[in-house]
C-alpha atoms as a PDB file:
ATOM      1  CA  UNK A   1     -25.763  33.710 -77.100  1.00  0.00           C
ATOM      2  CA  UNK A   2     -29.070  32.417 -75.685  1.00  0.00           C
ATOM      3  CA  UNK A   3     -31.330  35.379 -74.950  1.00  0.00           C
ATOM      4  CA  UNK A   4     -34.878  36.325 -73.915  1.00  0.00           C
ATOM      5  CA  UNK A   5     -37.000  39.362 -73.112  1.00  0.00           C
ATOM      6  CA  UNK A   6     -36.210  41.727 -70.284  1.00  0.00           C
ATOM      7  CA  UNK A   7     -37.916  44.863 -69.084  1.00  0.00           C
ATOM      8  CA  UNK A   8     -35.866  47.395 -70.998  1.00  0.00           C
ATOM      9  CA  UNK A   9     -35.967  49.245 -74.287  1.00  0.00           C
ATOM     10  CA  UNK A  10     -33.582  49.938 -77.124  1.00  0.00           C
ATOM     11  CA  UNK A  11     -33.619  51.233 -80.649  1.00  0.00           C
ATOM     12  CA  UNK A  12     -32.277  48.814 -83.227  1.00  0.00           C
ATOM     13  CA  UNK A  13     -29.039  49.600 -84.967  1.00  0.00           C
ATOM     14  CA  UNK A  14     -31.003  49.728 -88.200  1.00  0.00           C
ATOM     15  CA  UNK A  15     -32.845  52.768 -86.840  1.00  0.00           C
ATOM     16  CA  UNK A  16     -36.294  51.372 -86.027  1.00  0.00           C
ATOM     17  CA  UNK A  17     -37.642  51.061 -82.492  1.00  0.00           C
ATOM     18  CA  UNK A  18     -37.691  47.519 -81.186  1.00  0.00           C
ATOM     19  CA  UNK A  19     -40.401  46.193 -78.893  1.00  0.00           C
ATOM     20  CA  UNK A  20     -38.024  43.701 -77.301  1.00  0.00           C
ATOM     21  CA  UNK A  21     -34.621  43.601 -75.672  1.00  0.00           C
ATOM     22  CA  UNK A  22     -32.474  40.501 -75.503  1.00  0.00           C
ATOM     23  CA  UNK A  23     -30.540  39.157 -72.550  1.00  0.00           C
ATOM     24  CA  UNK A  24     -28.872  35.959 -71.440  1.00  0.00           C
ATOM     25  CA  UNK A  25     -31.456  33.237 -70.911  1.00  0.00           C
ATOM     26  CA  UNK A  26     -31.683  29.512 -70.327  1.00  0.00           C
ATOM     27  CA  UNK A  27     -32.345  27.056 -73.129  1.00  0.00           C
ATOM     28  CA  UNK A  28     -33.242  23.527 -72.094  1.00  0.00           C
ATOM     29  CA  UNK A  29     -31.329  20.568 -73.487  1.00  0.00           C
ATOM     30  CA  UNK A  30     -34.388  19.484 -75.490  1.00  0.00           C
ATOM     31  CA  UNK A  31     -34.935  22.968 -76.902  1.00  0.00           C
ATOM     32  CA  UNK A  32     -31.284  23.199 -77.913  1.00  0.00           C
ATOM     33  CA  UNK A  33     -31.300  19.754 -79.493  1.00  0.00           C
ATOM     34  CA  UNK A  34     -34.435  20.346 -81.539  1.00  0.00           C
ATOM     35  CA  UNK A  35     -33.271  23.832 -82.475  1.00  0.00           C
ATOM     36  CA  UNK A  36     -30.002  22.460 -83.814  1.00  0.00           C
ATOM     37  CA  UNK A  37     -31.659  19.559 -85.642  1.00  0.00           C
ATOM     38  CA  UNK A  38     -34.751  21.221 -87.056  1.00  0.00           C
ATOM     39  CA  UNK A  39     -33.661  24.742 -88.016  1.00  0.00           C
ATOM     40  CA  UNK A  40     -31.558  23.201 -90.788  1.00  0.00           C
ATOM     41  CA  UNK A  41     -34.844  21.792 -92.149  1.00  0.00           C
ATOM     42  CA  UNK A  42     -37.474  24.433 -91.371  1.00  0.00           C
ATOM     43  CA  UNK A  43     -35.414  27.540 -90.624  1.00  0.00           C
ATOM     44  CA  UNK A  44     -35.123  30.408 -93.092  1.00  0.00           C
ATOM     45  CA  UNK A  45     -31.935  32.451 -92.526  1.00  0.00           C
ATOM     46  CA  UNK A  46     -32.307  36.212 -92.491  1.00  0.00           C
ATOM     47  CA  UNK A  47     -31.025  37.889 -95.631  1.00  0.00           C
ATOM     48  CA  UNK A  48     -31.738  41.411 -96.941  1.00  0.00           C
ATOM     49  CA  UNK A  49     -33.406  40.135-100.105  1.00  0.00           C
ATOM     50  CA  UNK A  50     -37.013  39.180-100.947  1.00  0.00           C
ATOM     51  CA  UNK A  51     -37.876  35.546-100.354  1.00  0.00           C
ATOM     52  CA  UNK A  52     -39.174  33.232-103.028  1.00  0.00           C
ATOM     53  CA  UNK A  53     -41.940  31.857-100.813  1.00  0.00           C
ATOM     54  CA  UNK A  54     -42.873  29.098-103.249  1.00  0.00           C
ATOM     55  CA  UNK A  55     -39.279  27.884-103.181  1.00  0.00           C
ATOM     56  CA  UNK A  56     -38.767  27.973 -99.403  1.00  0.00           C
ATOM     57  CA  UNK A  57     -42.153  26.364 -98.709  1.00  0.00           C
ATOM     58  CA  UNK A  58     -41.891  23.866-101.548  1.00  0.00           C
ATOM     59  CA  UNK A  59     -45.289  24.644-103.059  1.00  0.00           C
ATOM     60  CA  UNK A  60     -47.768  27.379-103.899  1.00  0.00           C
ATOM     61  CA  UNK A  61     -50.286  27.856-101.074  1.00  0.00           C
ATOM     62  CA  UNK A  62     -51.850  30.546 -98.873  1.00  0.00           C
ATOM     63  CA  UNK A  63     -49.173  32.109 -96.619  1.00  0.00           C
ATOM     64  CA  UNK A  64     -49.641  33.366 -93.066  1.00  0.00           C
ATOM     65  CA  UNK A  65     -46.885  35.200 -91.172  1.00  0.00           C
ATOM     66  CA  UNK A  66     -46.914  35.063 -87.367  1.00  0.00           C
ATOM     67  CA  UNK A  67     -44.938  37.597 -85.347  1.00  0.00           C
ATOM     68  CA  UNK A  68     -43.780  36.520 -81.897  1.00  0.00           C
ATOM     69  CA  UNK A  69     -45.015  32.943 -81.492  1.00  0.00           C
ATOM     70  CA  UNK A  70     -43.741  32.517 -77.924  1.00  0.00           C
ATOM     71  CA  UNK A  71     -43.289  28.831 -77.136  1.00  0.00           C
ATOM     72  CA  UNK A  72     -45.127  27.812 -80.309  1.00  0.00           C
ATOM     73  CA  UNK A  73     -48.098  25.845 -78.970  1.00  0.00           C
ATOM     74  CA  UNK A  74     -50.687  27.956 -80.788  1.00  0.00           C
ATOM     75  CA  UNK A  75     -48.596  28.098 -83.960  1.00  0.00           C
ATOM     76  CA  UNK A  76     -48.244  24.326 -84.118  1.00  0.00           C
ATOM     77  CA  UNK A  77     -51.935  23.736 -83.367  1.00  0.00           C
ATOM     78  CA  UNK A  78     -53.027  26.087 -86.152  1.00  0.00           C
ATOM     79  CA  UNK A  79     -50.561  24.618 -88.657  1.00  0.00           C
ATOM     80  CA  UNK A  80     -51.646  21.087 -87.787  1.00  0.00           C
ATOM     81  CA  UNK A  81     -55.321  21.971 -88.258  1.00  0.00           C
ATOM     82  CA  UNK A  82     -54.752  23.721 -91.603  1.00  0.00           C
ATOM     83  CA  UNK A  83     -52.279  21.664 -93.666  1.00  0.00           C
ATOM     84  CA  UNK A  84     -53.395  23.425 -96.859  1.00  0.00           C
ATOM     85  CA  UNK A  85     -51.833  26.700 -95.605  1.00  0.00           C
ATOM     86  CA  UNK A  86     -48.168  27.562 -95.045  1.00  0.00           C
ATOM     87  CA  UNK A  87     -47.168  29.334 -91.825  1.00  0.00           C
ATOM     88  CA  UNK A  88     -44.008  31.376 -91.307  1.00  0.00           C
ATOM     89  CA  UNK A  89     -43.257  32.159 -87.674  1.00  0.00           C
ATOM     90  CA  UNK A  90     -40.912  34.997 -86.731  1.00  0.00           C
ATOM     91  CA  UNK A  91     -39.392  34.904 -83.239  1.00  0.00           C
ATOM     92  CA  UNK A  92     -36.129  36.138 -81.740  1.00  0.00           C
ATOM     93  CA  UNK A  93     -35.909  34.020 -78.588  1.00  0.00           C
ATOM     94  CA  UNK A  94     -34.098  30.700 -78.807  1.00  0.00           C
ATOM     95  CA  UNK A  95     -36.140  28.827 -76.141  1.00  0.00           C
ATOM     96  CA  UNK A  96     -39.348  29.530 -78.057  1.00  0.00           C
ATOM     97  CA  UNK A  97     -37.798  28.637 -81.397  1.00  0.00           C
ATOM     98  CA  UNK A  98     -36.501  25.376 -79.930  1.00  0.00           C
ATOM     99  CA  UNK A  99     -39.897  24.619 -78.443  1.00  0.00           C
ATOM    100  CA  UNK A 100     -41.684  25.118 -81.779  1.00  0.00           C
ATOM    101  CA  UNK A 101     -39.027  23.025 -83.525  1.00  0.00           C
ATOM    102  CA  UNK A 102     -39.834  20.207 -81.095  1.00  0.00           C
ATOM    103  CA  UNK A 103     -43.556  20.487 -81.843  1.00  0.00           C
ATOM    104  CA  UNK A 104     -42.906  20.518 -85.599  1.00  0.00           C
ATOM    105  CA  UNK A 105     -40.882  17.318 -85.278  1.00  0.00           C
ATOM    106  CA  UNK A 106     -43.378  15.565 -82.994  1.00  0.00           C
ATOM    107  CA  UNK A 107     -46.401  16.486 -85.130  1.00  0.00           C
ATOM    108  CA  UNK A 108     -44.639  15.949 -88.454  1.00  0.00           C
ATOM    109  CA  UNK A 109     -45.639  19.402 -89.696  1.00  0.00           C
ATOM    110  CA  UNK A 110     -44.634  20.112 -93.288  1.00  0.00           C
ATOM    111  CA  UNK A 111     -46.272  23.552 -93.488  1.00  0.00           C
ATOM    112  CA  UNK A 112     -44.378  25.475 -90.785  1.00  0.00           C
ATOM    113  CA  UNK A 113     -41.230  27.553 -91.326  1.00  0.00           C
ATOM    114  CA  UNK A 114     -39.303  29.719 -88.856  1.00  0.00           C
ATOM    115  CA  UNK A 115     -37.258  32.891 -89.185  1.00  0.00           C
ATOM    116  CA  UNK A 116     -35.280  33.701 -86.037  1.00  0.00           C
ATOM    117  CA  UNK A 117     -34.775  37.413 -86.485  1.00  0.00           C
ATOM    118  CA  UNK A 118     -36.258  40.841 -85.804  1.00  0.00           C
ATOM    119  CA  UNK A 119     -39.737  40.958 -87.359  1.00  0.00           C
ATOM    120  CA  UNK A 120     -39.475  44.518 -88.671  1.00  0.00           C
ATOM    121  CA  UNK A 121     -36.319  43.698 -90.604  1.00  0.00           C
ATOM    122  CA  UNK A 122     -37.875  40.484 -91.909  1.00  0.00           C
ATOM    123  CA  UNK A 123     -40.953  42.347 -93.143  1.00  0.00           C
ATOM    124  CA  UNK A 124     -38.934  45.187 -94.609  1.00  0.00           C
ATOM    125  CA  UNK A 125     -36.236  43.140 -96.324  1.00  0.00           C
ATOM    126  CA  UNK A 126     -37.558  39.626 -96.966  1.00  0.00           C
ATOM    127  CA  UNK A 127     -41.316  39.803 -97.517  1.00  0.00           C
ATOM    128  CA  UNK A 128     -42.430  41.205-100.848  1.00  0.00           C
ATOM    129  CA  UNK A 129     -45.377  43.548-101.181  1.00  0.00           C
ATOM    130  CA  UNK A 130     -48.752  41.849-101.625  1.00  0.00           C
ATOM    131  CA  UNK A 131     -47.344  38.396-100.902  1.00  0.00           C
ATOM    132  CA  UNK A 132     -49.115  37.397 -97.657  1.00  0.00           C
ATOM    133  CA  UNK A 133     -52.625  36.114 -97.117  1.00  0.00           C
ATOM    134  CA  UNK A 134     -52.596  36.955 -93.432  1.00  0.00           C
ATOM    135  CA  UNK A 135     -50.642  38.063 -90.371  1.00  0.00           C
ATOM    136  CA  UNK A 136     -51.085  36.758 -86.816  1.00  0.00           C
ATOM    137  CA  UNK A 137     -49.922  38.739 -83.769  1.00  0.00           C
ATOM    138  CA  UNK A 138     -51.184  36.990 -80.651  1.00  0.00           C
ATOM    139  CA  UNK A 139     -50.589  38.394 -77.163  1.00  0.00           C
ATOM    140  CA  UNK A 140     -47.584  40.621 -77.874  1.00  0.00           C
ATOM    141  CA  UNK A 141     -45.768  42.145 -74.915  1.00  0.00           C
ATOM    142  CA  UNK A 142     -48.251  44.716 -73.521  1.00  0.00           C
ATOM    143  CA  UNK A 143     -45.657  47.036 -71.992  1.00  0.00           C
ATOM    144  CA  UNK A 144     -48.295  47.965 -69.398  1.00  0.00           C
ATOM    145  CA  UNK A 145     -46.683  51.069 -67.872  1.00  0.00           C
ATOM    146  CA  UNK A 146     -47.831  54.256 -69.586  1.00  0.00           C
ATOM    147  CA  UNK A 147     -44.288  55.500 -70.103  1.00  0.00           C
ATOM    148  CA  UNK A 148     -43.496  52.284 -71.987  1.00  0.00           C
ATOM    149  CA  UNK A 149     -46.444  52.354 -74.419  1.00  0.00           C
ATOM    150  CA  UNK A 150     -44.190  53.689 -77.179  1.00  0.00           C
ATOM    151  CA  UNK A 151     -42.380  50.339 -77.061  1.00  0.00           C
ATOM    152  CA  UNK A 152     -45.457  48.353 -78.036  1.00  0.00           C
ATOM    153  CA  UNK A 153     -45.279  46.463 -81.312  1.00  0.00           C
ATOM    154  CA  UNK A 154     -48.545  47.731 -82.766  1.00  0.00           C
ATOM    155  CA  UNK A 155     -47.675  51.245 -83.923  1.00  0.00           C
ATOM    156  CA  UNK A 156     -48.615  53.117 -87.138  1.00  0.00           C
ATOM    157  CA  UNK A 157     -45.315  52.503 -89.019  1.00  0.00           C
ATOM    158  CA  UNK A 158     -45.455  48.738 -88.451  1.00  0.00           C
ATOM    159  CA  UNK A 159     -49.142  48.516 -89.359  1.00  0.00           C
ATOM    160  CA  UNK A 160     -48.482  50.403 -92.603  1.00  0.00           C
ATOM    161  CA  UNK A 161     -45.626  47.987 -93.375  1.00  0.00           C
ATOM    162  CA  UNK A 162     -47.801  44.978 -92.582  1.00  0.00           C
ATOM    163  CA  UNK A 163     -50.614  46.267 -94.769  1.00  0.00           C
ATOM    164  CA  UNK A 164     -48.243  46.732 -97.701  1.00  0.00           C
ATOM    165  CA  UNK A 165     -47.232  43.043 -97.474  1.00  0.00           C
ATOM    166  CA  UNK A 166     -50.815  41.780 -97.592  1.00  0.00           C
ATOM    167  CA  UNK A 167     -52.582  40.704-100.731  1.00  0.00           C
ATOM    168  CA  UNK A 168     -55.918  42.455-101.366  1.00  0.00           C
ATOM    169  CA  UNK A 169     -58.338  40.691 -99.061  1.00  0.00           C
ATOM    170  CA  UNK A 170     -55.542  39.549 -96.751  1.00  0.00           C
ATOM    171  CA  UNK A 171     -55.992  40.023 -93.037  1.00  0.00           C
ATOM    172  CA  UNK A 172     -54.226  41.124 -89.855  1.00  0.00           C
ATOM    173  CA  UNK A 173     -55.392  39.323 -86.714  1.00  0.00           C
ATOM    174  CA  UNK A 174     -54.236  40.675 -83.349  1.00  0.00           C
ATOM    175  CA  UNK A 175     -55.209  39.409 -79.902  1.00  0.00           C
ATOM    176  CA  UNK A 176     -54.408  40.759 -76.437  1.00  0.00           C
ATOM    177  CA  UNK A 177     -55.554  40.308 -72.847  1.00  0.00           C
ATOM    178  CA  UNK A 178     -54.739  43.918 -71.922  1.00  0.00           C
ATOM    179  CA  UNK A 179     -57.736  46.198 -72.472  1.00  0.00           C
ATOM    180  CA  UNK A 180     -55.617  49.337 -72.788  1.00  0.00           C
ATOM    181  CA  UNK A 181     -53.494  47.698 -75.482  1.00  0.00           C
ATOM    182  CA  UNK A 182     -56.642  46.482 -77.243  1.00  0.00           C
ATOM    183  CA  UNK A 183     -57.856  50.081 -77.349  1.00  0.00           C
ATOM    184  CA  UNK A 184     -54.531  51.196 -78.846  1.00  0.00           C
ATOM    185  CA  UNK A 185     -54.604  48.365 -81.387  1.00  0.00           C
ATOM    186  CA  UNK A 186     -58.117  49.332 -82.447  1.00  0.00           C
ATOM    187  CA  UNK A 187     -57.129  52.983 -82.821  1.00  0.00           C
ATOM    188  CA  UNK A 188     -53.956  52.273 -84.810  1.00  0.00           C
ATOM    189  CA  UNK A 189     -55.454  49.633 -87.084  1.00  0.00           C
ATOM    190  CA  UNK A 190     -58.526  51.786 -87.747  1.00  0.00           C
ATOM    191  CA  UNK A 191     -56.312  54.717 -88.751  1.00  0.00           C
ATOM    192  CA  UNK A 192     -54.532  52.760 -91.500  1.00  0.00           C
ATOM    193  CA  UNK A 193     -56.379  53.775 -94.697  1.00  0.00           C
ATOM    194  CA  UNK A 194     -55.713  50.531 -96.551  1.00  0.00           C
ATOM    195  CA  UNK A 195     -57.331  48.378 -93.839  1.00  0.00           C
ATOM    196  CA  UNK A 196     -60.978  47.711 -93.019  1.00  0.00           C
ATOM    197  CA  UNK A 197     -62.339  46.344 -89.751  1.00  0.00           C
ATOM    198  CA  UNK A 198     -64.256  43.087 -90.147  1.00  0.00           C
ATOM    199  CA  UNK A 199     -66.320  43.865 -87.045  1.00  0.00           C
ATOM    200  CA  UNK A 200     -67.938  46.804 -85.297  1.00  0.00           C
ATOM    201  CA  UNK A 201     -65.002  47.243 -82.935  1.00  0.00           C
ATOM    202  CA  UNK A 202     -63.587  44.002 -81.571  1.00  0.00           C
ATOM    203  CA  UNK A 203     -64.117  40.706 -83.376  1.00  0.00           C
ATOM    204  CA  UNK A 204     -65.297  37.361 -82.031  1.00  0.00           C
ATOM    205  CA  UNK A 205     -62.397  34.946 -81.635  1.00  0.00           C
ATOM    206  CA  UNK A 206     -62.035  33.132 -84.973  1.00  0.00           C
ATOM    207  CA  UNK A 207     -62.340  29.368 -84.722  1.00  0.00           C
ATOM    208  CA  UNK A 208     -58.802  28.877 -86.041  1.00  0.00           C
ATOM    209  CA  UNK A 209     -57.240  30.593 -82.990  1.00  0.00           C
ATOM    210  CA  UNK A 210     -57.238  28.012 -80.173  1.00  0.00           C
ATOM    211  CA  UNK A 211     -57.522  29.031 -76.552  1.00  0.00           C
ATOM    212  CA  UNK A 212     -54.218  28.702 -74.706  1.00  0.00           C
ATOM    213  CA  UNK A 213     -54.043  27.296 -71.170  1.00  0.00           C
ATOM    214  CA  UNK A 214     -53.021  30.743 -69.926  1.00  0.00           C
ATOM    215  CA  UNK A 215     -55.963  32.324 -71.723  1.00  0.00           C
ATOM    216  CA  UNK A 216     -58.422  29.739 -70.385  1.00  0.00           C
ATOM    217  CA  UNK A 217     -57.215  30.414 -66.850  1.00  0.00           C
ATOM    218  CA  UNK A 218     -57.593  34.149 -67.357  1.00  0.00           C
ATOM    219  CA  UNK A 219     -61.126  33.771 -68.667  1.00  0.00           C
ATOM    220  CA  UNK A 220     -62.076  31.673 -65.628  1.00  0.00           C
ATOM    221  CA  UNK A 221     -60.763  34.493 -63.448  1.00  0.00           C
ATOM    222  CA  UNK A 222     -62.836  37.014 -65.354  1.00  0.00           C
ATOM    223  CA  UNK A 223     -60.043  38.529 -67.429  1.00  0.00           C
ATOM    224  CA  UNK A 224     -60.927  39.813 -70.880  1.00  0.00           C
ATOM    225  CA  UNK A 225     -59.420  38.888 -74.236  1.00  0.00           C
ATOM    226  CA  UNK A 226     -59.823  41.092 -77.294  1.00  0.00           C
ATOM    227  CA  UNK A 227     -59.434  39.980 -80.918  1.00  0.00           C
ATOM    228  CA  UNK A 228     -59.123  42.405 -83.825  1.00  0.00           C
ATOM    229  CA  UNK A 229     -59.332  41.316 -87.458  1.00  0.00           C
ATOM    230  CA  UNK A 230     -58.744  43.828 -90.244  1.00  0.00           C
ATOM    231  CA  UNK A 231     -58.539  43.143 -93.964  1.00  0.00           C
ATOM    232  CA  UNK A 232     -56.722  44.934 -96.745  1.00  0.00           C
ATOM    233  CA  UNK A 233     -58.991  46.600 -99.246  1.00  0.00           C
END
């Protein structure tokens, strides 16, 4: 079934709260074609067992996990600019996965892999402790209504799980254009004892994170964007 986000909330059957709900959605012909062709090459099937990252990536290199890559433009741009690093994108929505597959094919990227599955289960079951050099979470769903804040992705249990998967010195980089969510991110990340803020509050946007067209438009209209970068001690 082709599915995408909708404004509702559920708890996963595995017991953890999910920050997304899936519904019927449209996948373009190109997205479907590239999804079918490329996932056999760059896709990593979900399995409840730790991954051998050297084996699935075909080499030993720094590893960055991205949660929720949307339509994949930023993911592909970062991977293209940093061929010495391997990137593993986790996304549940088929249109976005198909879109990133298309970009991987067009750019000839050899350092991008995709897992189409719930990120919490991927982290819990497939990613070994102290195996990642970094985590990217760019513009997650802000769930702007106060009664929905509990559905936001950045919560203490997930941050603790993320921190456990980082190597010493590894980083978590979050970005949002919702000030209230930025404040929550700062509070939650600061409360995790194994993490240290790299800035006094919010961080300057690192050069490796390109500005999206949506973000550029927002900045022209005076909207704020907040980056947070924390490292594991």
